[in-house]
Amino acid sequence: MTAKKILIVEDCVHLAALISEILKQSKFEVIITNDGKAAQKSVVENEFDAIVLDLMMPLIDGKKFLKWIRKELQNNTPILIHTGTKNFEIEQELLSLGANAVTFKPIRAKKLVSAVQAIL
């Protein structure tokens, strides 16, 4: 069985490393990008089983990336957005734009793994 390949899009290097380590321990293969522009390039060049996407990022934020991947690229890769903004309206907006799930910071290992497994 091949490991599921996950793209992590997170501008905080320490948080990206933490998410990566959590997912690697659960036998996922991970690739990290630190902004939405690099993530776009990665998505065009690679196939991923899921994407863990930060909402607030430089260059292209999570919302713009989500609109791009769903509308322009017509790509249905499952996307889990994680954000520090715990707000029902924002969560609903992200889901309506095509996110498969939304989780909130701080990152909790079991919750993160469960959320990724649920969208796969």
PDB file of N, CA and C in Angstrom:
ATOM      1  N   MET A   1       0.844  -1.193   0.000  1.00  0.00           N
ATOM      2  CA  MET A   1       0.000   0.000   0.000  1.00  0.00           C
ATOM      3  C   MET A   1       0.883   1.249   0.000  1.00  0.00           C
ATOM      4  N   THR A   2       0.623   2.146  -0.918  1.00  0.00           N
ATOM      5  CA  THR A   2       1.406   3.367  -1.032  1.00  0.00           C
ATOM      6  C   THR A   2       0.914   4.404  -0.027  1.00  0.00           C
ATOM      7  N   ALA A   3       1.851   5.121   0.562  1.00  0.00           N
ATOM      8  CA  ALA A   3       1.486   6.168   1.515  1.00  0.00           C
ATOM      9  C   ALA A   3       0.730   7.281   0.789  1.00  0.00           C
ATOM     10  N   LYS A   4      -0.274   7.834   1.445  1.00  0.00           N
ATOM     11  CA  LYS A   4      -1.011   8.972   0.893  1.00  0.00           C
ATOM     12  C   LYS A   4      -0.106  10.191   0.934  1.00  0.00           C
ATOM     13  N   LYS A   5      -0.124  10.948  -0.159  1.00  0.00           N
ATOM     14  CA  LYS A   5       0.751  12.116  -0.299  1.00  0.00           C
ATOM     15  C   LYS A   5      -0.025  13.387   0.055  1.00  0.00           C
ATOM     16  N   ILE A   6       0.480  14.109   1.041  1.00  0.00           N
ATOM     17  CA  ILE A   6      -0.181  15.305   1.570  1.00  0.00           C
ATOM     18  C   ILE A   6       0.688  16.535   1.322  1.00  0.00           C
ATOM     19  N   LEU A   7       0.076  17.588   0.783  1.00  0.00           N
ATOM     20  CA  LEU A   7       0.755  18.877   0.641  1.00  0.00           C
ATOM     21  C   LEU A   7       0.397  19.732   1.848  1.00  0.00           C
ATOM     22  N   ILE A   8       1.420  20.210   2.542  1.00  0.00           N
ATOM     23  CA  ILE A   8       1.221  21.127   3.670  1.00  0.00           C
ATOM     24  C   ILE A   8       1.574  22.523   3.173  1.00  0.00           C
ATOM     25  N   VAL A   9       0.630  23.447   3.324  1.00  0.00           N
ATOM     26  CA  VAL A   9       0.856  24.839   2.911  1.00  0.00           C
ATOM     27  C   VAL A   9       0.765  25.682   4.179  1.00  0.00           C
ATOM     28  N   GLU A  10       1.919  26.085   4.697  1.00  0.00           N
ATOM     29  CA  GLU A  10       1.980  26.788   5.988  1.00  0.00           C
ATOM     30  C   GLU A  10       3.197  27.702   5.995  1.00  0.00           C
ATOM     31  N   ASP A  11       2.977  29.002   6.267  1.00  0.00           N
ATOM     32  CA  ASP A  11       4.083  29.961   6.245  1.00  0.00           C
ATOM     33  C   ASP A  11       4.929  29.961   7.513  1.00  0.00           C
ATOM     34  N   CYS A  12       4.410  29.457   8.616  1.00  0.00           N
ATOM     35  CA  CYS A  12       5.197  29.358   9.855  1.00  0.00           C
ATOM     36  C   CYS A  12       6.013  28.067   9.787  1.00  0.00           C
ATOM     37  N   VAL A  13       7.344  28.225   9.683  1.00  0.00           N
ATOM     38  CA  VAL A  13       8.235  27.084   9.499  1.00  0.00           C
ATOM     39  C   VAL A  13       8.082  26.067  10.635  1.00  0.00           C
ATOM     40  N   HIS A  14       7.978  26.542  11.868  1.00  0.00           N
ATOM     41  CA  HIS A  14       7.873  25.638  13.019  1.00  0.00           C
ATOM     42  C   HIS A  14       6.560  24.855  12.987  1.00  0.00           C
ATOM     43  N   LEU A  15       5.477  25.527  12.638  1.00  0.00           N
ATOM     44  CA  LEU A  15       4.178  24.861  12.570  1.00  0.00           C
ATOM     45  C   LEU A  15       4.146  23.871  11.399  1.00  0.00           C
ATOM     46  N   ALA A  16       4.735  24.242  10.281  1.00  0.00           N
ATOM     47  CA  ALA A  16       4.817  23.329   9.129  1.00  0.00           C
ATOM     48  C   ALA A  16       5.579  22.064   9.523  1.00  0.00           C
ATOM     49  N   ALA A  17       6.672  22.230  10.262  1.00  0.00           N
ATOM     50  CA  ALA A  17       7.471  21.081  10.709  1.00  0.00           C
ATOM     51  C   ALA A  17       6.670  20.202  11.670  1.00  0.00           C
ATOM     52  N   LEU A  18       5.907  20.823  12.560  1.00  0.00           N
ATOM     53  CA  LEU A  18       5.079  20.076  13.508  1.00  0.00           C
ATOM     54  C   LEU A  18       4.007  19.261  12.770  1.00  0.00           C
ATOM     55  N   ILE A  19       3.303  19.912  11.850  1.00  0.00           N
ATOM     56  CA  ILE A  19       2.258  19.225  11.075  1.00  0.00           C
ATOM     57  C   ILE A  19       2.883  18.080  10.278  1.00  0.00           C
ATOM     58  N   SER A  20       4.020  18.339   9.677  1.00  0.00           N
ATOM     59  CA  SER A  20       4.727  17.320   8.906  1.00  0.00           C
ATOM     60  C   SER A  20       5.061  16.112   9.774  1.00  0.00           C
ATOM     61  N   GLU A  21       5.630  16.370  10.937  1.00  0.00           N
ATOM     62  CA  GLU A  21       6.024  15.285  11.840  1.00  0.00           C
ATOM     63  C   GLU A  21       4.806  14.464  12.279  1.00  0.00           C
ATOM     64  N   ILE A  22       3.723  15.140  12.620  1.00  0.00           N
ATOM     65  CA  ILE A  22       2.491  14.450  13.035  1.00  0.00           C
ATOM     66  C   ILE A  22       2.000  13.536  11.911  1.00  0.00           C
ATOM     67  N   LEU A  23       1.969  14.060  10.696  1.00  0.00           N
ATOM     68  CA  LEU A  23       1.462  13.273   9.568  1.00  0.00           C
ATOM     69  C   LEU A  23       2.421  12.150   9.185  1.00  0.00           C
ATOM     70  N   LYS A  24       3.725  12.393   9.270  1.00  0.00           N
ATOM     71  CA  LYS A  24       4.697  11.337   8.973  1.00  0.00           C
ATOM     72  C   LYS A  24       4.571  10.180   9.970  1.00  0.00           C
ATOM     73  N   GLN A  25       4.321  10.501  11.227  1.00  0.00           N
ATOM     74  CA  GLN A  25       4.150   9.462  12.244  1.00  0.00           C
ATOM     75  C   GLN A  25       2.915   8.603  11.948  1.00  0.00           C
ATOM     76  N   SER A  26       1.974   9.172  11.221  1.00  0.00           N
ATOM     77  CA  SER A  26       0.769   8.428  10.829  1.00  0.00           C
ATOM     78  C   SER A  26       0.924   7.824   9.433  1.00  0.00           C
ATOM     79  N   LYS A  27       2.174   7.738   8.981  1.00  0.00           N
ATOM     80  CA  LYS A  27       2.518   7.062   7.717  1.00  0.00           C
ATOM     81  C   LYS A  27       2.085   7.793   6.449  1.00  0.00           C
ATOM     82  N   PHE A  28       1.927   9.115   6.526  1.00  0.00           N
ATOM     83  CA  PHE A  28       1.656   9.908   5.325  1.00  0.00           C
ATOM     84  C   PHE A  28       2.983  10.391   4.753  1.00  0.00           C
ATOM     85  N   GLU A  29       3.024  10.570   3.441  1.00  0.00           N
ATOM     86  CA  GLU A  29       4.165  11.207   2.786  1.00  0.00           C
ATOM     87  C   GLU A  29       3.807  12.687   2.710  1.00  0.00           C
ATOM     88  N   VAL A  30       4.729  13.570   3.062  1.00  0.00           N
ATOM     89  CA  VAL A  30       4.397  14.996   3.068  1.00  0.00           C
ATOM     90  C   VAL A  30       5.370  15.830   2.254  1.00  0.00           C
ATOM     91  N   ILE A  31       4.834  16.885   1.685  1.00  0.00           N
ATOM     92  CA  ILE A  31       5.620  17.914   1.009  1.00  0.00           C
ATOM     93  C   ILE A  31       5.168  19.234   1.621  1.00  0.00           C
ATOM     94  N   ILE A  32       6.118  20.101   1.938  1.00  0.00           N
ATOM     95  CA  ILE A  32       5.809  21.389   2.570  1.00  0.00           C
ATOM     96  C   ILE A  32       6.091  22.528   1.603  1.00  0.00           C
ATOM     97  N   THR A  33       5.133  23.463   1.512  1.00  0.00           N
ATOM     98  CA  THR A  33       5.380  24.739   0.845  1.00  0.00           C
ATOM     99  C   THR A  33       5.045  25.833   1.858  1.00  0.00           C
ATOM    100  N   ASN A  34       5.696  26.985   1.711  1.00  0.00           N
ATOM    101  CA  ASN A  34       5.539  28.036   2.725  1.00  0.00           C
ATOM    102  C   ASN A  34       4.676  29.216   2.307  1.00  0.00           C
ATOM    103  N   ASP A  35       4.087  29.154   1.099  1.00  0.00           N
ATOM    104  CA  ASP A  35       3.163  30.210   0.691  1.00  0.00           C
ATOM    105  C   ASP A  35       2.265  29.681  -0.423  1.00  0.00           C
ATOM    106  N   GLY A  36       1.215  30.418  -0.714  1.00  0.00           N
ATOM    107  CA  GLY A  36       0.241  29.991  -1.710  1.00  0.00           C
ATOM    108  C   GLY A  36       0.794  29.896  -3.117  1.00  0.00           C
ATOM    109  N   LYS A  37       1.750  30.747  -3.449  1.00  0.00           N
ATOM    110  CA  LYS A  37       2.356  30.736  -4.789  1.00  0.00           C
ATOM    111  C   LYS A  37       3.148  29.435  -5.002  1.00  0.00           C
ATOM    112  N   ALA A  38       3.959  29.077  -4.018  1.00  0.00           N
ATOM    113  CA  ALA A  38       4.724  27.824  -4.095  1.00  0.00           C
ATOM    114  C   ALA A  38       3.775  26.625  -4.109  1.00  0.00           C
ATOM    115  N   ALA A  39       2.682  26.739  -3.378  1.00  0.00           N
ATOM    116  CA  ALA A  39       1.689  25.660  -3.345  1.00  0.00           C
ATOM    117  C   ALA A  39       1.043  25.474  -4.717  1.00  0.00           C
ATOM    118  N   GLN A  40       0.756  26.569  -5.402  1.00  0.00           N
ATOM    119  CA  GLN A  40       0.181  26.484  -6.743  1.00  0.00           C
ATOM    120  C   GLN A  40       1.124  25.707  -7.666  1.00  0.00           C
ATOM    121  N   LYS A  41       2.394  26.055  -7.627  1.00  0.00           N
ATOM    122  CA  LYS A  41       3.399  25.389  -8.457  1.00  0.00           C
ATOM    123  C   LYS A  41       3.429  23.891  -8.128  1.00  0.00           C
ATOM    124  N   SER A  42       3.415  23.567  -6.854  1.00  0.00           N
ATOM    125  CA  SER A  42       3.443  22.177  -6.412  1.00  0.00           C
ATOM    126  C   SER A  42       2.232  21.387  -6.911  1.00  0.00           C
ATOM    127  N   VAL A  43       1.060  22.004  -6.848  1.00  0.00           N
ATOM    128  CA  VAL A  43      -0.178  21.333  -7.269  1.00  0.00           C
ATOM    129  C   VAL A  43      -0.173  21.097  -8.779  1.00  0.00           C
ATOM    130  N   VAL A  44       0.373  22.044  -9.530  1.00  0.00           N
ATOM    131  CA  VAL A  44       0.431  21.898 -10.983  1.00  0.00           C
ATOM    132  C   VAL A  44       1.416  20.774 -11.365  1.00  0.00           C
ATOM    133  N   GLU A  45       2.497  20.651 -10.604  1.00  0.00           N
ATOM    134  CA  GLU A  45       3.547  19.689 -10.942  1.00  0.00           C
ATOM    135  C   GLU A  45       3.366  18.303 -10.327  1.00  0.00           C
ATOM    136  N   ASN A  46       2.531  18.163  -9.299  1.00  0.00           N
ATOM    137  CA  ASN A  46       2.393  16.896  -8.569  1.00  0.00           C
ATOM    138  C   ASN A  46       0.931  16.553  -8.327  1.00  0.00           C
ATOM    139  N   GLU A  47       0.689  15.288  -8.021  1.00  0.00           N
ATOM    140  CA  GLU A  47      -0.647  14.873  -7.592  1.00  0.00           C
ATOM    141  C   GLU A  47      -0.591  14.614  -6.099  1.00  0.00           C
ATOM    142  N   PHE A  48      -1.586  15.136  -5.394  1.00  0.00           N
ATOM    143  CA  PHE A  48      -1.662  14.937  -3.948  1.00  0.00           C
ATOM    144  C   PHE A  48      -2.973  14.255  -3.599  1.00  0.00           C
ATOM    145  N   ASP A  49      -2.951  13.503  -2.502  1.00  0.00           N
ATOM    146  CA  ASP A  49      -4.178  12.864  -2.023  1.00  0.00           C
ATOM    147  C   ASP A  49      -4.994  13.834  -1.176  1.00  0.00           C
ATOM    148  N   ALA A  50      -4.311  14.813  -0.569  1.00  0.00           N
ATOM    149  CA  ALA A  50      -4.988  15.839   0.232  1.00  0.00           C
ATOM    150  C   ALA A  50      -4.036  17.016   0.434  1.00  0.00           C
ATOM    151  N   ILE A  51      -4.639  18.149   0.829  1.00  0.00           N
ATOM    152  CA  ILE A  51      -3.871  19.365   1.099  1.00  0.00           C
ATOM    153  C   ILE A  51      -4.278  19.889   2.469  1.00  0.00           C
ATOM    154  N   VAL A  52      -3.275  20.217   3.299  1.00  0.00           N
ATOM    155  CA  VAL A  52      -3.512  20.886   4.583  1.00  0.00           C
ATOM    156  C   VAL A  52      -3.070  22.328   4.359  1.00  0.00           C
ATOM    157  N   LEU A  53      -4.039  23.243   4.417  1.00  0.00           N
ATOM    158  CA  LEU A  53      -3.832  24.621   3.966  1.00  0.00           C
ATOM    159  C   LEU A  53      -4.065  25.631   5.088  1.00  0.00           C
ATOM    160  N   ASP A  54      -3.065  26.467   5.330  1.00  0.00           N
ATOM    161  CA  ASP A  54      -3.205  27.569   6.278  1.00  0.00           C
ATOM    162  C   ASP A  54      -4.049  28.662   5.618  1.00  0.00           C
ATOM    163  N   LEU A  55      -4.836  29.368   6.400  1.00  0.00           N
ATOM    164  CA  LEU A  55      -5.686  30.422   5.848  1.00  0.00           C
ATOM    165  C   LEU A  55      -4.901  31.715   5.616  1.00  0.00           C
ATOM    166  N   MET A  56      -4.134  32.151   6.601  1.00  0.00           N
ATOM    167  CA  MET A  56      -3.412  33.421   6.526  1.00  0.00           C
ATOM    168  C   MET A  56      -1.971  33.188   6.100  1.00  0.00           C
ATOM    169  N   MET A  57      -1.657  33.554   4.847  1.00  0.00           N
ATOM    170  CA  MET A  57      -0.317  33.359   4.310  1.00  0.00           C
ATOM    171  C   MET A  57       0.079  34.530   3.425  1.00  0.00           C
ATOM    172  N   PRO A  58       1.397  34.681   3.215  1.00  0.00           N
ATOM    173  CA  PRO A  58       1.860  35.727   2.295  1.00  0.00           C
ATOM    174  C   PRO A  58       1.628  35.326   0.839  1.00  0.00           C
ATOM    175  N   LEU A  59       1.718  36.297  -0.049  1.00  0.00           N
ATOM    176  CA  LEU A  59       1.590  36.156  -1.496  1.00  0.00           C
ATOM    177  C   LEU A  59       0.179  35.758  -1.921  1.00  0.00           C
ATOM    178  N   ILE A  60      -0.237  34.529  -1.646  1.00  0.00           N
ATOM    179  CA  ILE A  60      -1.605  34.098  -1.958  1.00  0.00           C
ATOM    180  C   ILE A  60      -2.148  33.445  -0.699  1.00  0.00           C
ATOM    181  N   ASP A  61      -3.201  34.020  -0.115  1.00  0.00           N
ATOM    182  CA  ASP A  61      -3.737  33.453   1.126  1.00  0.00           C
ATOM    183  C   ASP A  61      -4.564  32.197   0.840  1.00  0.00           C
ATOM    184  N   GLY A  62      -4.964  31.536   1.910  1.00  0.00           N
ATOM    185  CA  GLY A  62      -5.696  30.279   1.783  1.00  0.00           C
ATOM    186  C   GLY A  62      -6.993  30.397   1.002  1.00  0.00           C
ATOM    187  N   LYS A  63      -7.703  31.500   1.190  1.00  0.00           N
ATOM    188  CA  LYS A  63      -8.979  31.700   0.483  1.00  0.00           C
ATOM    189  C   LYS A  63      -8.757  31.833  -1.025  1.00  0.00           C
ATOM    190  N   LYS A  64      -7.768  32.627  -1.411  1.00  0.00           N
ATOM    191  CA  LYS A  64      -7.462  32.792  -2.844  1.00  0.00           C
ATOM    192  C   LYS A  64      -6.975  31.481  -3.456  1.00  0.00           C
ATOM    193  N   PHE A  65      -6.158  30.756  -2.702  1.00  0.00           N
ATOM    194  CA  PHE A  65      -5.665  29.466  -3.182  1.00  0.00           C
ATOM    195  C   PHE A  65      -6.841  28.500  -3.385  1.00  0.00           C
ATOM    196  N   LEU A  66      -7.739  28.482  -2.438  1.00  0.00           N
ATOM    197  CA  LEU A  66      -8.914  27.608  -2.509  1.00  0.00           C
ATOM    198  C   LEU A  66      -9.763  27.934  -3.742  1.00  0.00           C
ATOM    199  N   LYS A  67     -10.008  29.232  -3.971  1.00  0.00           N
ATOM    200  CA  LYS A  67     -10.778  29.641  -5.161  1.00  0.00           C
ATOM    201  C   LYS A  67     -10.042  29.221  -6.434  1.00  0.00           C
ATOM    202  N   TRP A  68      -8.724  29.420  -6.465  1.00  0.00           N
ATOM    203  CA  TRP A  68      -7.922  29.072  -7.634  1.00  0.00           C
ATOM    204  C   TRP A  68      -7.985  27.577  -7.940  1.00  0.00           C
ATOM    205  N   ILE A  69      -7.755  26.757  -6.918  1.00  0.00           N
ATOM    206  CA  ILE A  69      -7.681  25.321  -7.162  1.00  0.00           C
ATOM    207  C   ILE A  69      -9.040  24.740  -7.568  1.00  0.00           C
ATOM    208  N   ARG A  70     -10.111  25.276  -6.985  1.00  0.00           N
ATOM    209  CA  ARG A  70     -11.445  24.740  -7.289  1.00  0.00           C
ATOM    210  C   ARG A  70     -12.010  25.287  -8.603  1.00  0.00           C
ATOM    211  N   LYS A  71     -11.915  26.609  -8.811  1.00  0.00           N
ATOM    212  CA  LYS A  71     -12.556  27.227  -9.977  1.00  0.00           C
ATOM    213  C   LYS A  71     -11.667  27.217 -11.228  1.00  0.00           C
ATOM    214  N   GLU A  72     -10.423  27.705 -11.090  1.00  0.00           N
ATOM    215  CA  GLU A  72      -9.544  27.805 -12.265  1.00  0.00           C
ATOM    216  C   GLU A  72      -8.945  26.461 -12.649  1.00  0.00           C
ATOM    217  N   LEU A  73      -8.470  25.727 -11.670  1.00  0.00           N
ATOM    218  CA  LEU A  73      -7.797  24.468 -11.958  1.00  0.00           C
ATOM    219  C   LEU A  73      -8.788  23.301 -12.056  1.00  0.00           C
ATOM    220  N   GLN A  74      -9.996  23.495 -11.523  1.00  0.00           N
ATOM    221  CA  GLN A  74     -11.017  22.433 -11.515  1.00  0.00           C
ATOM    222  C   GLN A  74     -10.466  21.173 -10.839  1.00  0.00           C
ATOM    223  N   ASN A  75      -9.739  21.372  -9.735  1.00  0.00           N
ATOM    224  CA  ASN A  75      -9.093  20.285  -9.014  1.00  0.00           C
ATOM    225  C   ASN A  75      -9.900  19.982  -7.753  1.00  0.00           C
ATOM    226  N   ASN A  76     -10.247  18.715  -7.551  1.00  0.00           N
ATOM    227  CA  ASN A  76     -11.068  18.319  -6.401  1.00  0.00           C
ATOM    228  C   ASN A  76     -10.295  17.626  -5.298  1.00  0.00           C
ATOM    229  N   THR A  77      -8.978  17.819  -5.251  1.00  0.00           N
ATOM    230  CA  THR A  77      -8.188  17.241  -4.169  1.00  0.00           C
ATOM    231  C   THR A  77      -8.778  17.686  -2.832  1.00  0.00           C
ATOM    232  N   PRO A  78      -9.003  16.754  -1.894  1.00  0.00           N
ATOM    233  CA  PRO A  78      -9.552  17.144  -0.584  1.00  0.00           C
ATOM    234  C   PRO A  78      -8.651  18.162   0.119  1.00  0.00           C
ATOM    235  N   ILE A  79      -9.272  19.197   0.683  1.00  0.00           N
ATOM    236  CA  ILE A  79      -8.524  20.262   1.354  1.00  0.00           C
ATOM    237  C   ILE A  79      -9.037  20.458   2.781  1.00  0.00           C
ATOM    238  N   LEU A  80      -8.083  20.409   3.718  1.00  0.00           N
ATOM    239  CA  LEU A  80      -8.338  20.719   5.117  1.00  0.00           C
ATOM    240  C   LEU A  80      -7.698  22.074   5.381  1.00  0.00           C
ATOM    241  N   ILE A  81      -8.505  23.039   5.776  1.00  0.00           N
ATOM    242  CA  ILE A  81      -7.958  24.362   6.109  1.00  0.00           C
ATOM    243  C   ILE A  81      -7.791  24.435   7.619  1.00  0.00           C
ATOM    244  N   HIS A  82      -6.630  24.933   8.046  1.00  0.00           N
ATOM    245  CA  HIS A  82      -6.444  25.172   9.474  1.00  0.00           C
ATOM    246  C   HIS A  82      -6.183  26.657   9.676  1.00  0.00           C
ATOM    247  N   THR A  83      -6.820  27.181  10.702  1.00  0.00           N
ATOM    248  CA  THR A  83      -6.764  28.620  10.932  1.00  0.00           C
ATOM    249  C   THR A  83      -6.816  28.934  12.425  1.00  0.00           C
ATOM    250  N   GLY A  84      -6.301  30.084  12.773  1.00  0.00           N
ATOM    251  CA  GLY A  84      -6.387  30.561  14.150  1.00  0.00           C
ATOM    252  C   GLY A  84      -7.663  31.360  14.384  1.00  0.00           C
ATOM    253  N   THR A  85      -8.398  31.634  13.304  1.00  0.00           N
ATOM    254  CA  THR A  85      -9.623  32.419  13.387  1.00  0.00           C
ATOM    255  C   THR A  85     -10.813  31.497  13.598  1.00  0.00           C
ATOM    256  N   LYS A  86     -11.232  31.356  14.843  1.00  0.00           N
ATOM    257  CA  LYS A  86     -12.361  30.477  15.145  1.00  0.00           C
ATOM    258  C   LYS A  86     -13.643  31.294  15.006  1.00  0.00           C
ATOM    259  N   ASN A  87     -14.258  31.195  13.834  1.00  0.00           N
ATOM    260  CA  ASN A  87     -15.411  32.022  13.512  1.00  0.00           C
ATOM    261  C   ASN A  87     -16.336  31.216  12.608  1.00  0.00           C
ATOM    262  N   PHE A  88     -17.571  31.062  13.026  1.00  0.00           N
ATOM    263  CA  PHE A  88     -18.542  30.237  12.300  1.00  0.00           C
ATOM    264  C   PHE A  88     -18.761  30.737  10.867  1.00  0.00           C
ATOM    265  N   GLU A  89     -18.853  32.059  10.673  1.00  0.00           N
ATOM    266  CA  GLU A  89     -19.088  32.610   9.334  1.00  0.00           C
ATOM    267  C   GLU A  89     -17.923  32.308   8.387  1.00  0.00           C
ATOM    268  N   ILE A  90     -16.694  32.458   8.895  1.00  0.00           N
ATOM    269  CA  ILE A  90     -15.521  32.164   8.075  1.00  0.00           C
ATOM    270  C   ILE A  90     -15.487  30.672   7.736  1.00  0.00           C
ATOM    271  N   GLU A  91     -15.775  29.840   8.714  1.00  0.00           N
ATOM    272  CA  GLU A  91     -15.799  28.393   8.483  1.00  0.00           C
ATOM    273  C   GLU A  91     -16.810  28.037   7.387  1.00  0.00           C
ATOM    274  N   GLN A  92     -18.001  28.605   7.472  1.00  0.00           N
ATOM    275  CA  GLN A  92     -19.038  28.330   6.472  1.00  0.00           C
ATOM    276  C   GLN A  92     -18.630  28.840   5.090  1.00  0.00           C
ATOM    277  N   GLU A  93     -17.994  30.016   5.046  1.00  0.00           N
ATOM    278  CA  GLU A  93     -17.534  30.564   3.775  1.00  0.00           C
ATOM    279  C   GLU A  93     -16.492  29.639   3.138  1.00  0.00           C
ATOM    280  N   LEU A  94     -15.546  29.157   3.937  1.00  0.00           N
ATOM    281  CA  LEU A  94     -14.500  28.272   3.426  1.00  0.00           C
ATOM    282  C   LEU A  94     -15.091  26.973   2.893  1.00  0.00           C
ATOM    283  N   LEU A  95     -16.062  26.438   3.604  1.00  0.00           N
ATOM    284  CA  LEU A  95     -16.723  25.207   3.150  1.00  0.00           C
ATOM    285  C   LEU A  95     -17.486  25.466   1.846  1.00  0.00           C
ATOM    286  N   SER A  96     -18.115  26.634   1.743  1.00  0.00           N
ATOM    287  CA  SER A  96     -18.865  26.948   0.517  1.00  0.00           C
ATOM    288  C   SER A  96     -17.928  27.199  -0.675  1.00  0.00           C
ATOM    289  N   LEU A  97     -16.676  27.599  -0.393  1.00  0.00           N
ATOM    290  CA  LEU A  97     -15.692  27.814  -1.460  1.00  0.00           C
ATOM    291  C   LEU A  97     -15.038  26.500  -1.908  1.00  0.00           C
ATOM    292  N   GLY A  98     -15.305  25.429  -1.174  1.00  0.00           N
ATOM    293  CA  GLY A  98     -14.781  24.136  -1.601  1.00  0.00           C
ATOM    294  C   GLY A  98     -13.865  23.429  -0.631  1.00  0.00           C
ATOM    295  N   ALA A  99     -13.634  24.001   0.560  1.00  0.00           N
ATOM    296  CA  ALA A  99     -12.842  23.274   1.568  1.00  0.00           C
ATOM    297  C   ALA A  99     -13.658  22.051   2.005  1.00  0.00           C
ATOM    298  N   ASN A 100     -12.962  20.967   2.304  1.00  0.00           N
ATOM    299  CA  ASN A 100     -13.643  19.761   2.761  1.00  0.00           C
ATOM    300  C   ASN A 100     -13.816  19.758   4.271  1.00  0.00           C
ATOM    301  N   ALA A 101     -12.924  20.468   4.971  1.00  0.00           N
ATOM    302  CA  ALA A 101     -13.007  20.549   6.426  1.00  0.00           C
ATOM    303  C   ALA A 101     -12.189  21.749   6.898  1.00  0.00           C
ATOM    304  N   VAL A 102     -12.527  22.222   8.095  1.00  0.00           N
ATOM    305  CA  VAL A 102     -11.808  23.339   8.710  1.00  0.00           C
ATOM    306  C   VAL A 102     -11.460  22.932  10.139  1.00  0.00           C
ATOM    307  N   THR A 103     -10.197  23.094  10.514  1.00  0.00           N
ATOM    308  CA  THR A 103      -9.793  22.875  11.905  1.00  0.00           C
ATOM    309  C   THR A 103      -9.162  24.166  12.416  1.00  0.00           C
ATOM    310  N   PHE A 104      -9.067  24.250  13.728  1.00  0.00           N
ATOM    311  CA  PHE A 104      -8.591  25.490  14.349  1.00  0.00           C
ATOM    312  C   PHE A 104      -7.316  25.265  15.141  1.00  0.00           C
ATOM    313  N   LYS A 105      -6.442  26.269  15.074  1.00  0.00           N
ATOM    314  CA  LYS A 105      -5.212  26.249  15.861  1.00  0.00           C
ATOM    315  C   LYS A 105      -5.592  26.487  17.316  1.00  0.00           C
ATOM    316  N   PRO A 106      -4.848  26.001  18.276  1.00  0.00           N
ATOM    317  CA  PRO A 106      -3.607  25.257  18.115  1.00  0.00           C
ATOM    318  C   PRO A 106      -3.849  23.852  17.549  1.00  0.00           C
ATOM    319  N   ILE A 107      -2.847  23.355  16.833  1.00  0.00           N
ATOM    320  CA  ILE A 107      -2.915  22.028  16.216  1.00  0.00           C
ATOM    321  C   ILE A 107      -2.868  20.968  17.312  1.00  0.00           C
ATOM    322  N   ARG A 108      -3.771  20.023  17.239  1.00  0.00           N
ATOM    323  CA  ARG A 108      -3.789  18.863  18.133  1.00  0.00           C
ATOM    324  C   ARG A 108      -3.563  17.633  17.247  1.00  0.00           C
ATOM    325  N   ALA A 109      -2.561  16.834  17.581  1.00  0.00           N
ATOM    326  CA  ALA A 109      -2.138  15.714  16.739  1.00  0.00           C
ATOM    327  C   ALA A 109      -3.293  14.784  16.358  1.00  0.00           C
ATOM    328  N   LYS A 110      -4.032  14.281  17.336  1.00  0.00           N
ATOM    329  CA  LYS A 110      -5.111  13.325  17.041  1.00  0.00           C
ATOM    330  C   LYS A 110      -6.190  13.942  16.178  1.00  0.00           C
ATOM    331  N   LYS A 111      -6.537  15.193  16.471  1.00  0.00           N
ATOM    332  CA  LYS A 111      -7.568  15.891  15.702  1.00  0.00           C
ATOM    333  C   LYS A 111      -7.122  16.108  14.250  1.00  0.00           C
ATOM    334  N   LEU A 112      -5.860  16.481  14.063  1.00  0.00           N
ATOM    335  CA  LEU A 112      -5.314  16.709  12.742  1.00  0.00           C
ATOM    336  C   LEU A 112      -5.346  15.413  11.914  1.00  0.00           C
ATOM    337  N   VAL A 113      -4.847  14.339  12.492  1.00  0.00           N
ATOM    338  CA  VAL A 113      -4.807  13.050  11.787  1.00  0.00           C
ATOM    339  C   VAL A 113      -6.231  12.580  11.461  1.00  0.00           C
ATOM    340  N   SER A 114      -7.137  12.719  12.416  1.00  0.00           N
ATOM    341  CA  SER A 114      -8.539  12.316  12.196  1.00  0.00           C
ATOM    342  C   SER A 114      -9.166  13.136  11.074  1.00  0.00           C
ATOM    343  N   ALA A 115      -8.903  14.436  11.076  1.00  0.00           N
ATOM    344  CA  ALA A 115      -9.477  15.312  10.050  1.00  0.00           C
ATOM    345  C   ALA A 115      -8.929  14.967   8.667  1.00  0.00           C
ATOM    346  N   VAL A 116      -7.628  14.687   8.567  1.00  0.00           N
ATOM    347  CA  VAL A 116      -7.034  14.319   7.279  1.00  0.00           C
ATOM    348  C   VAL A 116      -7.612  12.981   6.808  1.00  0.00           C
ATOM    349  N   GLN A 117      -7.678  12.016   7.722  1.00  0.00           N
ATOM    350  CA  GLN A 117      -8.242  10.704   7.352  1.00  0.00           C
ATOM    351  C   GLN A 117      -9.702  10.829   6.901  1.00  0.00           C
ATOM    352  N   ALA A 118     -10.436  11.722   7.539  1.00  0.00           N
ATOM    353  CA  ALA A 118     -11.861  11.907   7.210  1.00  0.00           C
ATOM    354  C   ALA A 118     -12.061  12.483   5.808  1.00  0.00           C
ATOM    355  N   ILE A 119     -11.159  13.344   5.348  1.00  0.00           N
ATOM    356  CA  ILE A 119     -11.352  13.944   4.012  1.00  0.00           C
ATOM    357  C   ILE A 119     -10.810  13.069   2.885  1.00  0.00           C
ATOM    358  N   LEU A 120      -9.997  12.078   3.251  1.00  0.00           N
ATOM    359  CA  LEU A 120      -9.424  11.195   2.217  1.00  0.00           C
ATOM    360  C   LEU A 120     -10.439  10.223   1.658  1.00  0.00           C
TER     361      LEU A 120
END
